C-alpha atoms as a PDB file:
ATOM      1  CA  UNK A   1      12.218 -36.635  17.914  1.00  0.00           C
ATOM      2  CA  UNK A   2       8.244 -35.194  16.146  1.00  0.00           C
ATOM      3  CA  UNK A   3       8.731 -36.721  13.058  1.00  0.00           C
ATOM      4  CA  UNK A   4       5.794 -36.111  10.648  1.00  0.00           C
ATOM      5  CA  UNK A   5       3.264 -38.794   9.954  1.00  0.00           C
ATOM      6  CA  UNK A   6       3.655 -38.361   5.949  1.00  0.00           C
ATOM      7  CA  UNK A   7       3.816 -35.650   3.566  1.00  0.00           C
ATOM      8  CA  UNK A   8       2.141 -32.413   3.412  1.00  0.00           C
ATOM      9  CA  UNK A   9       1.119 -31.776  -0.227  1.00  0.00           C
ATOM     10  CA  UNK A  10       1.999 -28.748  -2.216  1.00  0.00           C
ATOM     11  CA  UNK A  11      -1.347 -27.639  -1.356  1.00  0.00           C
ATOM     12  CA  UNK A  12      -2.622 -28.237   1.986  1.00  0.00           C
ATOM     13  CA  UNK A  13       1.508 -26.457   2.932  1.00  0.00           C
ATOM     14  CA  UNK A  14       0.752 -23.062   0.673  1.00  0.00           C
ATOM     15  CA  UNK A  15      -2.921 -23.192   1.434  1.00  0.00           C
ATOM     16  CA  UNK A  16      -1.667 -22.762   5.478  1.00  0.00           C
ATOM     17  CA  UNK A  17       1.334 -20.297   4.867  1.00  0.00           C
ATOM     18  CA  UNK A  18      -1.435 -18.319   2.270  1.00  0.00           C
ATOM     19  CA  UNK A  19      -2.590 -16.377   5.345  1.00  0.00           C
ATOM     20  CA  UNK A  20       0.789 -14.821   6.391  1.00  0.00           C
ATOM     21  CA  UNK A  21       1.865 -13.862   3.055  1.00  0.00           C
ATOM     22  CA  UNK A  22      -1.244 -11.257   2.225  1.00  0.00           C
ATOM     23  CA  UNK A  23      -0.388  -8.337   0.539  1.00  0.00           C
ATOM     24  CA  UNK A  24      -2.238  -5.109   2.781  1.00  0.00           C
ATOM     25  CA  UNK A  25      -4.343  -1.819   1.446  1.00  0.00           C
ATOM     26  CA  UNK A  26      -2.226   1.119   1.594  1.00  0.00           C
ATOM     27  CA  UNK A  27      -3.556   3.368   3.601  1.00  0.00           C
ATOM     28  CA  UNK A  28      -4.732   6.884   0.924  1.00  0.00           C
ATOM     29  CA  UNK A  29      -6.250  10.206   1.986  1.00  0.00           C
ATOM     30  CA  UNK A  30      -6.993  13.385   0.604  1.00  0.00           C
ATOM     31  CA  UNK A  31      -5.780  16.640  -0.275  1.00  0.00           C
ATOM     32  CA  UNK A  32      -6.856  19.493   1.516  1.00  0.00           C
ATOM     33  CA  UNK A  33      -6.559  21.390  -1.260  1.00  0.00           C
ATOM     34  CA  UNK A  34      -7.492  19.867  -3.626  1.00  0.00           C
ATOM     35  CA  UNK A  35      -9.567  16.856  -2.872  1.00  0.00           C
ATOM     36  CA  UNK A  36      -7.046  14.291  -4.507  1.00  0.00           C
ATOM     37  CA  UNK A  37      -5.846  10.852  -3.580  1.00  0.00           C
ATOM     38  CA  UNK A  38      -2.220  10.170  -2.408  1.00  0.00           C
ATOM     39  CA  UNK A  39      -0.184   8.292   0.449  1.00  0.00           C
ATOM     40  CA  UNK A  40      -0.018   9.718   3.133  1.00  0.00           C
ATOM     41  CA  UNK A  41       2.864  11.413   4.600  1.00  0.00           C
ATOM     42  CA  UNK A  42       4.542  12.346   1.363  1.00  0.00           C
ATOM     43  CA  UNK A  43       3.717  15.418  -1.711  1.00  0.00           C
ATOM     44  CA  UNK A  44      -0.062  15.461  -3.691  1.00  0.00           C
ATOM     45  CA  UNK A  45       0.933  14.587  -7.569  1.00  0.00           C
ATOM     46  CA  UNK A  46      -2.809  16.726  -8.254  1.00  0.00           C
ATOM     47  CA  UNK A  47      -1.275  20.481  -6.725  1.00  0.00           C
ATOM     48  CA  UNK A  48       2.540  19.905  -5.145  1.00  0.00           C
ATOM     49  CA  UNK A  49       1.355  20.244  -1.654  1.00  0.00           C
ATOM     50  CA  UNK A  50       2.363  18.759   1.561  1.00  0.00           C
ATOM     51  CA  UNK A  51       2.096  19.971   4.740  1.00  0.00           C
ATOM     52  CA  UNK A  52      -0.017  23.694   3.862  1.00  0.00           C
ATOM     53  CA  UNK A  53       2.331  24.738   1.435  1.00  0.00           C
ATOM     54  CA  UNK A  54       3.992  24.115  -2.279  1.00  0.00           C
ATOM     55  CA  UNK A  55       7.230  21.850  -2.234  1.00  0.00           C
ATOM     56  CA  UNK A  56       6.669  20.520  -5.444  1.00  0.00           C
ATOM     57  CA  UNK A  57       6.240  22.718  -9.347  1.00  0.00           C
ATOM     58  CA  UNK A  58       2.973  20.560 -10.863  1.00  0.00           C
ATOM     59  CA  UNK A  59       2.251  21.600 -14.497  1.00  0.00           C
ATOM     60  CA  UNK A  60      -1.528  21.997 -14.167  1.00  0.00           C
ATOM     61  CA  UNK A  61      -2.108  21.062 -18.991  1.00  0.00           C
ATOM     62  CA  UNK A  62      -5.405  21.254 -18.542  1.00  0.00           C
END
């Protein structure tokens, strides 16, 4: 049977596990209408458009 020769320290164990638990950066795209950045396949929060049509009403308080 395979038995470890010695105790693996917390630092060594965590170093080994660190590469599997890293978060990836989300893909961000520019809105074709207003140019604001948003997540893909979601409505733009700046202008309220998705796939070329207005889907949410956005107040433009400027």
